[in-house]
Protein backbone atom coordinates (compact mmCIF):
# COMPACT_ATOMS: atom_id res chain seq x y z
CA UNK A 1 64.44 -44.85 -54.15
CA UNK A 2 63.92 -41.22 -53.07
CA UNK A 3 60.28 -40.31 -52.70
CA UNK A 4 59.00 -36.94 -53.93
CA UNK A 5 58.16 -34.80 -50.91
CA UNK A 6 54.54 -33.99 -51.71
CA UNK A 7 53.18 -31.17 -49.56
CA UNK A 8 50.95 -33.32 -47.35
CA UNK A 9 49.87 -30.31 -45.28
CA UNK A 10 48.28 -28.72 -48.34
CA UNK A 11 46.33 -31.87 -49.04
CA UNK A 12 45.23 -32.16 -45.42
CA UNK A 13 44.14 -28.53 -45.35
CA UNK A 14 41.40 -29.42 -47.84
CA UNK A 15 40.20 -32.20 -45.55
CA UNK A 16 40.27 -30.13 -42.36
CA UNK A 17 37.44 -27.94 -43.65
CA UNK A 18 35.23 -30.53 -45.29
CA UNK A 19 33.03 -28.16 -47.33
CA UNK A 20 36.18 -27.07 -49.17
CA UNK A 21 37.08 -30.52 -50.45
CA UNK A 22 36.61 -30.25 -54.22
CA UNK A 23 34.16 -32.82 -55.50
CA UNK A 24 35.79 -32.68 -58.93
CA UNK A 25 39.51 -32.05 -59.29
CA UNK A 26 42.15 -32.60 -61.94
CA UNK A 27 45.89 -32.90 -61.32
CA UNK A 28 47.66 -31.51 -64.38
CA UNK A 29 51.23 -31.10 -65.45
CA UNK A 30 53.96 -32.37 -67.81
CA UNK A 31 54.74 -36.09 -68.05
CA UNK A 32 56.71 -37.65 -65.24
CA UNK A 33 55.77 -35.17 -62.49
CA UNK A 34 53.98 -37.71 -60.28
CA UNK A 35 50.31 -36.96 -60.99
CA UNK A 36 49.21 -40.59 -60.76
CA UNK A 37 51.58 -40.99 -57.81
CA UNK A 38 49.77 -38.17 -55.97
CA UNK A 39 46.37 -39.69 -56.68
CA UNK A 40 46.99 -42.16 -53.83
CA UNK A 41 47.34 -39.29 -51.33
CA UNK A 42 44.36 -37.43 -52.76
CA UNK A 43 42.16 -40.51 -52.35
CA UNK A 44 43.36 -41.06 -48.77
CA UNK A 45 42.76 -37.38 -47.97
CA UNK A 46 39.12 -37.89 -48.93
CA UNK A 47 38.49 -41.38 -47.55
CA UNK A 48 40.81 -41.69 -44.54
CA UNK A 49 42.23 -38.29 -43.51
CA UNK A 50 43.12 -39.44 -39.99
CA UNK A 51 45.37 -42.14 -41.46
CA UNK A 52 47.06 -39.63 -43.76
CA UNK A 53 47.50 -37.15 -40.90
CA UNK A 54 49.75 -39.68 -39.15
CA UNK A 55 52.30 -39.09 -41.96
CA UNK A 56 52.78 -42.75 -43.00
CA UNK A 57 55.49 -43.71 -45.47
CA UNK A 58 54.71 -44.48 -49.09
CA UNK A 59 54.51 -48.24 -48.57
CA UNK A 60 51.88 -47.84 -45.84
CA UNK A 61 49.88 -45.36 -47.91
CA UNK A 62 49.82 -47.67 -50.91
CA UNK A 63 48.77 -50.60 -48.72
CA UNK A 64 45.88 -48.57 -47.26
CA UNK A 65 44.90 -47.42 -50.75
CA UNK A 66 44.79 -51.04 -51.95
CA UNK A 67 42.57 -51.93 -48.98
CA UNK A 68 40.09 -49.20 -49.97
CA UNK A 69 40.10 -50.43 -53.56
CA UNK A 70 39.30 -53.95 -52.35
CA UNK A 71 36.46 -52.56 -50.21
CA UNK A 72 34.92 -50.89 -53.28
CA UNK A 73 35.59 -47.33 -52.09
CA UNK A 74 37.81 -46.46 -55.08
CA UNK A 75 37.23 -46.97 -58.81
CA UNK A 76 39.93 -46.44 -61.43
CA UNK A 77 39.64 -45.95 -65.19
CA UNK A 78 41.92 -44.63 -67.92
CA UNK A 79 40.45 -42.62 -70.80
CA UNK A 80 41.70 -43.21 -74.34
CA UNK A 81 40.67 -42.33 -77.88
CA UNK A 82 38.34 -45.34 -78.24
CA UNK A 83 36.65 -44.88 -74.85
CA UNK A 84 33.02 -43.75 -75.13
CA UNK A 85 29.72 -43.10 -73.37
CA UNK A 86 28.83 -46.79 -73.67
CA UNK A 87 31.89 -47.74 -71.59
CA UNK A 88 31.57 -44.95 -69.01
CA UNK A 89 27.82 -44.59 -68.43
CA UNK A 90 25.71 -47.32 -70.05
CA UNK A 91 25.75 -49.16 -73.33
CA UNK A 92 24.41 -52.07 -75.30
CA UNK A 93 26.86 -54.99 -75.33
CA UNK A 94 26.70 -58.19 -77.40
CA UNK A 95 26.76 -61.44 -75.41
CA UNK A 96 26.35 -65.11 -76.22
CA UNK A 97 23.53 -66.82 -74.33
CA UNK A 98 22.74 -70.45 -75.05
CA UNK A 99 24.65 -70.31 -78.31
CA UNK A 100 22.64 -67.30 -79.52
CA UNK A 101 23.81 -63.72 -79.95
CA UNK A 102 21.96 -61.31 -77.68
CA UNK A 103 22.30 -57.67 -76.72
CA UNK A 104 22.18 -56.52 -73.11
CA UNK A 105 22.25 -53.07 -71.58
CA UNK A 106 25.11 -52.79 -69.08
CA UNK A 107 26.05 -50.09 -66.59
CA UNK A 108 29.43 -48.43 -67.03
CA UNK A 109 31.97 -47.58 -64.35
CA UNK A 110 30.42 -44.18 -63.61
CA UNK A 111 26.99 -45.61 -62.74
CA UNK A 112 28.66 -48.26 -60.60
CA UNK A 113 30.53 -45.47 -58.79
CA UNK A 114 27.26 -43.56 -58.24
CA UNK A 115 25.75 -46.65 -56.66
CA UNK A 116 28.87 -47.27 -54.55
CA UNK A 117 28.57 -43.70 -53.22
CA UNK A 118 25.04 -44.42 -52.01
CA UNK A 119 23.21 -42.90 -54.97
CA UNK A 120 19.67 -44.05 -55.75
CA UNK A 121 19.80 -45.77 -59.13
CA UNK A 122 17.56 -48.59 -60.39
CA UNK A 123 19.57 -51.64 -61.33
CA UNK A 124 19.49 -53.04 -64.82
CA UNK A 125 17.24 -56.02 -65.36
CA UNK A 126 18.41 -59.26 -66.86
CA UNK A 127 16.41 -58.83 -70.08
CA UNK A 128 18.25 -59.17 -73.35
CA UNK A 129 17.33 -58.37 -76.93
CA UNK A 130 17.91 -61.49 -79.05
CA UNK A 131 19.47 -60.98 -82.45
CA UNK A 132 17.77 -64.01 -83.93
CA UNK A 133 16.01 -66.66 -81.85
CA UNK A 134 14.63 -69.57 -83.85
CA UNK A 135 12.03 -70.84 -81.43
CA UNK A 136 8.31 -71.32 -81.20
CA UNK A 137 6.28 -69.37 -78.65
CA UNK A 138 7.77 -70.41 -75.35
CA UNK A 139 7.10 -69.86 -71.71
CA UNK A 140 8.54 -66.41 -71.01
CA UNK A 141 8.92 -65.01 -67.49
CA UNK A 142 6.19 -62.49 -66.85
CA UNK A 143 7.37 -58.87 -66.84
CA UNK A 144 8.03 -57.19 -63.54
CA UNK A 145 6.64 -54.68 -62.90
CA UNK A 146 3.61 -55.15 -65.18
CA UNK A 147 2.83 -52.30 -67.56
CA UNK A 148 -0.55 -50.60 -67.39
CA UNK A 149 -2.88 -51.60 -70.21
CA UNK A 150 -5.56 -49.12 -71.18
CA UNK A 151 -9.14 -50.43 -70.64
CA UNK A 152 -9.89 -49.63 -74.29
CA UNK A 153 -6.41 -50.50 -75.57
CA UNK A 154 -5.95 -50.54 -79.30
CA UNK A 155 -3.77 -53.14 -81.01
CA UNK A 156 -1.09 -51.94 -83.43
CA UNK A 157 1.33 -53.70 -85.73
CA UNK A 158 4.64 -52.03 -86.65
CA UNK A 159 7.59 -52.82 -88.90
CA UNK A 160 11.00 -51.52 -87.73
CA UNK A 161 13.68 -51.65 -90.42
CA UNK A 162 11.26 -53.34 -92.79
CA UNK A 163 10.40 -56.99 -92.75
CA UNK A 164 13.88 -58.47 -92.70
CA UNK A 165 13.96 -61.45 -90.29
CA UNK A 166 17.25 -60.25 -88.73
CA UNK A 167 18.02 -56.58 -88.07
CA UNK A 168 20.67 -55.00 -85.83
CA UNK A 169 18.63 -51.80 -85.73
CA UNK A 170 15.52 -53.66 -84.57
CA UNK A 171 17.46 -55.51 -81.88
CA UNK A 172 18.90 -52.25 -80.59
CA UNK A 173 15.48 -50.59 -80.43
CA UNK A 174 14.13 -53.57 -78.50
CA UNK A 175 17.00 -53.38 -76.04
CA UNK A 176 16.29 -49.67 -75.50
CA UNK A 177 12.61 -50.36 -74.74
CA UNK A 178 11.24 -48.41 -77.69
CA UNK A 179 9.65 -48.50 -81.08
CA UNK A 180 11.03 -46.09 -83.69
CA UNK A 181 10.17 -44.89 -87.19
CA UNK A 182 11.89 -42.79 -89.84
CA UNK A 183 11.02 -39.46 -91.45
CA UNK A 184 8.60 -40.78 -94.15
CA UNK A 185 10.23 -38.46 -96.69
CA UNK A 186 9.79 -35.34 -94.58
CA UNK A 187 12.66 -33.09 -93.51
CA UNK A 188 14.23 -34.15 -90.17
CA UNK A 189 12.53 -32.25 -87.34
CA UNK A 190 10.54 -32.70 -84.15
CA UNK A 191 7.00 -33.74 -85.08
CA UNK A 192 5.70 -31.95 -81.98
CA UNK A 193 6.37 -28.72 -83.87
CA UNK A 194 4.39 -29.84 -86.94
CA UNK A 195 0.62 -29.59 -87.38
CA UNK A 196 -1.37 -32.74 -88.09
CA UNK A 197 -2.19 -31.45 -91.58
CA UNK A 198 1.50 -31.26 -92.46
CA UNK A 199 2.38 -34.74 -91.15
CA UNK A 200 2.56 -37.84 -93.27
CA UNK A 201 -0.47 -40.00 -92.47
CA UNK A 202 1.63 -42.75 -90.87
CA UNK A 203 3.62 -40.17 -88.91
CA UNK A 204 0.35 -38.74 -87.57
CA UNK A 205 -0.73 -42.23 -86.48
CA UNK A 206 2.60 -42.78 -84.71
CA UNK A 207 2.43 -39.44 -82.91
CA UNK A 208 -1.30 -39.10 -82.18
CA UNK A 209 -3.06 -42.34 -83.06
CA UNK A 210 -1.04 -44.62 -80.82
CA UNK A 211 -1.94 -43.97 -77.18
CA UNK A 212 -0.19 -44.75 -73.92
CA UNK A 213 -1.54 -48.12 -72.77
CA UNK A 214 -2.06 -49.53 -76.30
CA UNK A 215 -0.69 -52.95 -77.28
CA UNK A 216 1.87 -53.11 -80.07
CA UNK A 217 2.96 -56.12 -82.15
CA UNK A 218 6.38 -56.01 -83.80
CA UNK A 219 6.51 -57.75 -87.16
CA UNK A 220 9.72 -59.16 -88.61
CA UNK A 221 8.81 -60.80 -91.85
CA UNK A 222 5.55 -61.13 -93.74
CA UNK A 223 2.73 -61.95 -91.31
CA UNK A 224 5.17 -62.92 -88.55
CA UNK A 225 5.06 -61.42 -85.03
CA UNK A 226 8.40 -61.37 -83.20
CA UNK A 227 7.60 -59.22 -80.12
CA UNK A 228 4.68 -57.79 -78.14
CA UNK A 229 4.64 -54.85 -75.75
CA UNK A 230 2.67 -52.00 -74.18
CA UNK A 231 3.23 -48.34 -75.09
CA UNK A 232 4.32 -46.46 -71.96
CA UNK A 233 5.01 -42.88 -73.06
CA UNK A 234 4.09 -40.17 -75.53
CA UNK A 235 5.90 -39.40 -78.78
CA UNK A 236 9.47 -38.06 -78.45
CA UNK A 237 11.90 -36.65 -80.96
CA UNK A 238 15.08 -38.39 -79.83
CA UNK A 239 18.19 -38.13 -82.02
CA UNK A 240 20.93 -40.14 -80.31
CA UNK A 241 24.68 -40.52 -80.59
CA UNK A 242 24.19 -44.09 -81.79
CA UNK A 243 25.12 -44.19 -85.49
CA UNK A 244 22.58 -46.97 -86.08
CA UNK A 245 19.70 -44.70 -85.06
CA UNK A 246 20.58 -41.04 -85.36
CA UNK A 247 20.48 -40.61 -89.13
CA UNK A 248 16.93 -41.79 -89.72
CA UNK A 249 15.19 -43.42 -86.75
CA UNK A 250 14.82 -40.39 -84.47
CA UNK A 251 11.06 -40.60 -83.77
CA UNK A 252 10.40 -42.71 -80.70
CA UNK A 253 7.71 -44.13 -78.40
CA UNK A 254 8.69 -45.92 -75.20
CA UNK A 255 7.47 -49.53 -75.05
CA UNK A 256 7.59 -52.19 -72.33
CA UNK A 257 8.30 -55.28 -74.42
CA UNK A 258 6.58 -58.22 -72.74
CA UNK A 259 7.94 -60.95 -74.99
CA UNK A 260 10.64 -60.94 -77.65
CA UNK A 261 12.14 -63.63 -79.86
CA UNK A 262 8.70 -64.86 -80.96
CA UNK A 263 7.84 -66.44 -84.30
CA UNK A 264 4.05 -66.36 -84.33
CA UNK A 265 1.83 -66.35 -87.42
CA UNK A 266 -0.25 -63.18 -87.57
CA UNK A 267 -3.37 -65.03 -88.74
CA UNK A 268 -3.29 -67.35 -85.75
CA UNK A 269 -2.77 -64.43 -83.38
CA UNK A 270 -5.12 -61.79 -84.84
CA UNK A 271 -7.23 -63.67 -87.36
CA UNK A 272 -5.98 -61.61 -90.32
CA UNK A 273 -2.95 -60.83 -92.44
CA UNK A 274 -0.84 -57.68 -92.15
CA UNK A 275 -0.62 -54.94 -94.76
CA UNK A 276 2.86 -53.79 -95.92
CA UNK A 277 2.62 -50.27 -94.40
CA UNK A 278 4.97 -49.36 -91.52
CA UNK A 279 2.25 -48.86 -88.90
CA UNK A 280 -1.19 -50.43 -88.97
CA UNK A 281 -4.05 -50.59 -86.50
CA UNK A 282 -5.23 -54.19 -86.11
CA UNK A 283 -9.01 -54.00 -85.95
CA UNK A 284 -11.60 -56.45 -84.63
CA UNK A 285 -9.28 -58.02 -82.07
CA UNK A 286 -8.84 -57.00 -78.44
CA UNK A 287 -5.58 -56.62 -76.54
CA UNK A 288 -6.81 -59.14 -73.97
CA UNK A 289 -7.38 -61.73 -76.69
CA UNK A 290 -3.90 -61.26 -78.13
CA UNK A 291 -2.28 -61.61 -74.70
CA UNK A 292 -4.35 -64.71 -73.94
CA UNK A 293 -3.30 -66.38 -77.21
CA UNK A 294 0.35 -65.63 -76.37
CA UNK A 295 -0.02 -67.14 -72.90
CA UNK A 296 0.60 -63.84 -71.10
CA UNK A 297 -1.32 -63.34 -67.86
CA UNK A 298 -3.88 -60.50 -67.84
CA UNK A 299 -2.28 -57.12 -67.21
CA UNK A 300 -3.62 -54.50 -64.79
CA UNK A 301 -5.67 -51.80 -66.44
CA UNK A 302 -4.60 -48.19 -66.58
CA UNK A 303 -7.03 -45.91 -64.78
CA UNK A 304 -8.89 -43.63 -67.23
CA UNK A 305 -7.98 -40.70 -64.98
CA UNK A 306 -4.29 -41.46 -65.18
CA UNK A 307 -2.59 -39.31 -67.78
CA UNK A 308 0.96 -40.56 -67.31
CA UNK A 309 2.44 -44.06 -67.20
CA UNK A 310 3.55 -45.34 -63.85
CA UNK A 311 7.00 -44.00 -63.07
CA UNK A 312 9.95 -46.28 -62.56
CA UNK A 313 10.71 -46.44 -58.87
CA UNK A 314 14.41 -46.13 -58.11
CA UNK A 315 15.92 -48.58 -55.72
CA UNK A 316 16.33 -47.23 -52.22
CA UNK A 317 19.52 -45.27 -51.85
CA UNK A 318 22.22 -46.88 -49.78
CA UNK A 319 23.81 -45.12 -46.82
CA UNK A 320 25.84 -42.06 -47.89
CA UNK A 321 29.49 -43.03 -48.11
CA UNK A 322 32.40 -41.39 -49.83
CA UNK A 323 33.59 -42.96 -53.06
CA UNK A 324 36.50 -41.81 -55.21
CA UNK A 325 36.42 -42.25 -58.99
CA UNK A 326 39.90 -41.80 -60.45
CA UNK A 327 40.12 -40.96 -64.16
CA UNK A 328 43.67 -41.23 -65.44
CA UNK A 329 44.59 -39.33 -68.63
CA UNK A 330 41.20 -37.60 -68.62
CA UNK A 331 42.12 -35.35 -71.54
CA UNK A 332 42.98 -38.23 -73.89
CA UNK A 333 39.31 -39.11 -74.35
CA UNK A 334 36.55 -37.13 -76.05
CA UNK A 335 35.14 -35.63 -72.86
CA UNK A 336 31.89 -34.35 -74.39
CA UNK A 337 31.20 -37.75 -75.95
CA UNK A 338 32.13 -39.77 -72.86
CA UNK A 339 30.28 -37.73 -70.22
CA UNK A 340 27.23 -36.76 -72.29
CA UNK A 341 24.48 -35.32 -70.08
CA UNK A 342 26.46 -36.18 -66.93
CA UNK A 343 28.70 -33.15 -67.26
CA UNK A 344 25.88 -31.01 -65.83
CA UNK A 345 25.14 -33.40 -62.96
CA UNK A 346 28.79 -33.32 -61.83
CA UNK A 347 28.53 -29.65 -60.93
CA UNK A 348 28.67 -29.19 -57.16
CA UNK A 349 25.42 -27.23 -56.96
CA UNK A 350 23.56 -29.78 -59.11
CA UNK A 351 24.39 -32.79 -56.91
CA UNK A 352 21.60 -34.72 -55.13
CA UNK A 353 20.48 -33.03 -51.93
CA UNK A 354 21.59 -29.54 -53.01
CA UNK A 355 19.14 -26.67 -53.46
CA UNK A 356 19.60 -26.73 -57.25
CA UNK A 357 19.84 -30.52 -57.58
CA UNK A 358 19.06 -31.96 -61.01
CA UNK A 359 17.90 -35.37 -62.21
CA UNK A 360 18.16 -36.59 -65.80
CA UNK A 361 16.65 -39.57 -67.57
CA UNK A 362 19.31 -41.82 -69.05
CA UNK A 363 18.71 -42.08 -72.81
CA UNK A 364 19.09 -45.85 -73.14
CA UNK A 365 17.60 -47.36 -69.98
CA UNK A 366 15.22 -44.43 -69.22
CA UNK A 367 16.25 -44.54 -65.55
CA UNK A 368 16.37 -41.36 -63.47
CA UNK A 369 19.85 -40.37 -62.34
CA UNK A 370 21.23 -37.81 -59.93
CA UNK A 371 24.81 -37.73 -58.67
CA UNK A 372 25.31 -37.82 -54.87
CA UNK A 373 27.67 -35.35 -53.23
CA UNK A 374 29.58 -38.28 -51.75
CA UNK A 375 31.08 -39.11 -55.14
CA UNK A 376 34.49 -37.51 -55.68
CA UNK A 377 36.08 -37.43 -59.14
CA UNK A 378 39.87 -37.12 -59.32
CA UNK A 379 41.40 -36.86 -62.78
CA UNK A 380 44.94 -36.62 -64.09
CA UNK A 381 45.90 -34.67 -67.18
CA UNK A 382 49.15 -34.71 -69.15
CA UNK A 383 49.62 -31.16 -70.45
CA UNK A 384 52.06 -32.39 -73.10
CA UNK A 385 49.13 -34.12 -74.82
CA UNK A 386 46.78 -31.15 -74.69
CA UNK A 387 47.11 -27.68 -73.27
CA UNK A 388 44.82 -26.71 -70.42
CA UNK A 389 43.54 -23.82 -72.53
CA UNK A 390 42.30 -26.27 -75.17
CA UNK A 391 40.36 -28.44 -72.73
CA UNK A 392 36.60 -28.70 -73.09
CA UNK A 393 35.06 -25.56 -71.60
CA UNK A 394 32.26 -27.47 -69.85
CA UNK A 395 34.84 -29.66 -68.10
CA UNK A 396 36.98 -26.69 -67.06
CA UNK A 397 34.00 -24.99 -65.43
CA UNK A 398 33.12 -27.97 -63.26
CA UNK A 399 36.57 -29.07 -62.08
CA UNK A 400 39.21 -27.44 -59.93
CA UNK A 401 42.73 -27.77 -61.32
CA UNK A 402 45.78 -28.56 -59.21
CA UNK A 403 49.16 -28.09 -60.95
CA UNK A 404 51.86 -30.71 -60.48
CA UNK A 405 55.19 -29.36 -61.78
CA UNK A 406 58.65 -30.98 -61.94
CA UNK A 407 60.47 -31.09 -58.61
CA UNK A 408 64.20 -31.33 -59.43
CA UNK A 409 65.05 -30.81 -55.74
CA UNK A 410 63.97 -34.40 -54.96
CA UNK A 411 66.74 -35.80 -57.18
CA UNK A 412 70.20 -36.87 -56.06
CA UNK A 413 73.75 -35.65 -56.38
CA UNK A 414 75.79 -38.56 -57.67
CA UNK A 415 79.49 -39.03 -57.05
CA UNK A 416 81.09 -40.90 -59.93
CA UNK A 417 84.86 -41.50 -59.88
CA UNK A 418 85.19 -38.71 -57.33
CA UNK A 419 83.31 -36.19 -59.52
CA UNK A 420 79.86 -34.83 -58.67
CA UNK A 421 76.98 -35.05 -61.13
CA UNK A 422 74.06 -33.01 -59.79
CA UNK A 423 70.85 -34.44 -61.23
CA UNK A 424 68.89 -31.55 -59.71
CA UNK A 425 70.80 -28.99 -61.75
CA UNK A 426 70.79 -31.25 -64.81
CA UNK A 427 66.97 -31.45 -64.88
CA UNK A 428 66.46 -27.80 -63.92
CA UNK A 429 68.73 -26.58 -66.74
CA UNK A 430 66.91 -28.73 -69.30
CA UNK A 431 63.48 -27.52 -68.17
CA UNK A 432 64.53 -23.87 -68.04
CA UNK A 433 65.47 -24.04 -71.73
CA UNK A 434 62.34 -26.01 -72.70
CA UNK A 435 60.15 -23.42 -71.00
CA UNK A 436 61.95 -20.65 -72.89
CA UNK A 437 61.71 -22.40 -76.28
CA UNK A 438 58.26 -23.96 -75.89
CA UNK A 439 56.17 -23.61 -72.72
CA UNK A 440 55.98 -24.65 -69.11
CA UNK A 441 53.45 -27.35 -70.01
CA UNK A 442 56.05 -29.32 -71.98
CA UNK A 443 58.85 -29.85 -69.51
CA UNK A 444 60.48 -33.07 -68.28
CA UNK A 445 59.23 -34.57 -65.00
CA UNK A 446 61.54 -35.59 -62.16
CA UNK A 447 60.30 -39.20 -62.44
CA UNK A 448 62.46 -39.62 -65.56
CA UNK A 449 65.57 -39.46 -63.33
CA UNK A 450 64.14 -40.59 -60.02
CA UNK A 451 64.39 -44.36 -60.08
CA UNK A 452 67.62 -44.96 -61.97
CA UNK A 453 70.92 -46.63 -61.01
CA UNK A 454 73.31 -44.19 -59.37
CA UNK A 455 76.04 -44.53 -61.99
CA UNK A 456 76.88 -43.07 -65.41
CA UNK A 457 75.23 -45.88 -67.45
CA UNK A 458 72.03 -45.33 -65.45
CA UNK A 459 71.95 -41.60 -66.20
CA UNK A 460 72.94 -42.20 -69.84
CA UNK A 461 70.12 -44.72 -70.25
CA UNK A 462 67.57 -42.24 -68.86
CA UNK A 463 68.71 -39.54 -71.28
CA UNK A 464 68.88 -41.85 -74.29
CA UNK A 465 65.71 -43.87 -73.69
CA UNK A 466 63.40 -41.48 -71.80
CA UNK A 467 64.35 -37.83 -72.21
CA UNK A 468 65.58 -37.68 -75.81
CA UNK A 469 62.45 -39.38 -77.27
CA UNK A 470 60.31 -36.90 -75.32
CA UNK A 471 62.34 -33.98 -76.69
CA UNK A 472 61.95 -35.34 -80.23
CA UNK A 473 58.19 -35.30 -79.76
CA UNK A 474 58.17 -31.82 -78.21
CA UNK A 475 60.26 -30.23 -80.96
CA UNK A 476 58.96 -32.27 -83.91
CA UNK A 477 62.47 -33.53 -84.70
CA UNK A 478 63.93 -30.01 -84.71
CA UNK A 479 67.38 -31.20 -83.64
CA UNK A 480 68.77 -27.68 -83.58
CA UNK A 481 66.50 -26.83 -80.64
CA UNK A 482 67.20 -30.15 -78.97
CA UNK A 483 70.89 -29.21 -79.11
CA UNK A 484 70.01 -25.93 -77.36
CA UNK A 485 68.17 -27.76 -74.61
CA UNK A 486 71.25 -29.93 -73.95
CA UNK A 487 73.56 -26.91 -74.40
CA UNK A 488 75.48 -28.80 -77.08
CA UNK A 489 76.43 -25.66 -79.09
CA UNK A 490 78.68 -24.60 -76.20
CA UNK A 491 80.50 -27.93 -75.83
CA UNK A 492 83.46 -29.40 -77.61
CA UNK A 493 82.26 -31.58 -80.45
CA UNK A 494 83.18 -34.90 -78.87
CA UNK A 495 81.06 -34.00 -75.79
CA UNK A 496 77.94 -33.05 -77.76
CA UNK A 497 75.02 -35.49 -77.45
CA UNK A 498 73.66 -34.23 -80.79
CA UNK A 499 76.30 -33.21 -83.29
CA UNK A 500 75.62 -30.80 -86.13
CA UNK A 501 77.43 -30.75 -89.47
CA UNK A 502 76.89 -28.95 -92.75
CA UNK A 503 76.79 -31.11 -95.85
CA UNK A 504 76.19 -29.38 -99.17
CA UNK A 505 74.92 -26.27 -97.43
CA UNK A 506 72.37 -28.23 -95.35
CA UNK A 507 72.54 -28.90 -91.63
CA UNK A 508 72.64 -32.56 -90.68
CA UNK A 509 72.39 -33.97 -87.17
CA UNK A 510 73.47 -37.24 -85.62
CA UNK A 511 73.42 -38.78 -82.16
CA UNK A 512 76.92 -39.00 -80.71
CA UNK A 513 76.93 -42.25 -78.75
CA UNK A 514 80.42 -41.60 -77.40
CA UNK A 515 79.15 -38.58 -75.43
CA UNK A 516 76.84 -40.79 -73.36
CA UNK A 517 79.94 -42.36 -71.84
CA UNK A 518 81.51 -39.03 -70.86
CA UNK A 519 80.58 -37.69 -67.41
CA UNK A 520 81.63 -34.17 -68.43
CA UNK A 521 79.05 -34.15 -71.25
CA UNK A 522 76.30 -34.36 -68.62
CA UNK A 523 77.88 -31.80 -66.28
CA UNK A 524 78.23 -29.28 -69.13
CA UNK A 525 74.43 -29.27 -69.55
CA UNK A 526 74.24 -27.08 -66.43
CA UNK A 527 77.79 -25.91 -65.66
CA UNK A 528 77.43 -22.54 -67.45
CA UNK A 529 74.60 -21.56 -65.05
CA UNK A 530 75.56 -19.84 -61.80
CA UNK A 531 74.46 -21.30 -58.46
CA UNK A 532 72.13 -18.32 -57.97
CA UNK A 533 70.08 -19.55 -60.91
CA UNK A 534 68.85 -22.66 -59.08
CA UNK A 535 65.86 -22.36 -56.67
CA UNK A 536 67.46 -24.82 -54.25
CA UNK A 537 70.68 -24.93 -52.31
CA UNK A 538 73.41 -25.80 -54.76
């Protein structure tokens, strides 16, 4: 197999002057040009430039690449139409634990790559949100770290998604560490922009009545408590991309849920029954009493002078080390949906340690995140799927783009029955006509003819099974233009790959299988072009 002669010096030039190595780069070009093939060299140029400088062969490069993958220095993912934020960053995933369905919040491949690059990112806990746990109050591991309870903490009872005993919405809110309510008949808007007089009475309680450090009881069913937690943040208007929440439940308060999956009678816990309203203050019972009856150890009190809940402390950052995240077919996914708020953090000047560094709070886990400048993102993009000009503007601004065009000069000249078939000229002639009829972004890559048997059946199979289907897609079954690409109008009929006939005044086309067995049919694709036309020595 002949290897494409990638310009290794150009790749090494980026490594020689380290500040010039692009943190975010995309290799783009038509299909079959070796974009994924070049990714191996790009990764080695970043992670082991001295090895690459020794000009190893392809087998050695691939072996070194595999070693780096095994060491956790390289991550690989392929985008597709169903790939989303939950897969890439973080998401709630259903799991079976002890025969019961639970929901857990899991980190995606991007957060794992951030951590592998030495970024400071708190790890997810092992807590899960049970969908339905039929059990009496049980010994539950005490929360760590403990939330701060206000010295004069109020006790509140809330319904989320009504009193149904099982609710997917309620489970999701629990997993997110929140309590949420709907609009109460008001128009959807941020309640921080609304005066207290304009708010629904329950909305005013949710925004202003509930205080940081108060205890909240979640009811799921008449007079049944299923969870208990401490409010840890002020009101937030938080529409999300989650279809379960974004239409109605956009008003949020952060809660550290101490116990979930309970089934405790309200009268035993508080000495009274609950009213049917969404949010109710439970009077004449202290937070300490409720916690004691649930078997939860006393919580530390929040200092009256403290105006903010204790911040989550990120785990200590590991040593800075380069990590390469490879995203194959980056343009096949919905980039805005997949990256979310991360698209800003990827920008070189917004990376951790830079003068304009930014940190965001992840919407599900509420963890702070900044992207280290030791994380390199290398993407590949097939321009036949989507033109570069149509790519998301935010992505284009934050990535450098490296073109990877067809290289017909790496192909062979075959000698079949004493006659030369020049695959270089064959591919060049096809691409020259495609570029004229369509665009440069929709050509045929050299890989289509690179690894084929060196005989006529091998070339015929590549044309029939690889190139023709691609041309059908490019030209939307316009067989007249496909004939032009193969120069069939200038051949004798028996040597035309696609024959054209008029039947009843209409043009009809058919594949001529006999032409695939004629060497001259392939040579005539390029034979009308002079040797001066080709950018290589003919």
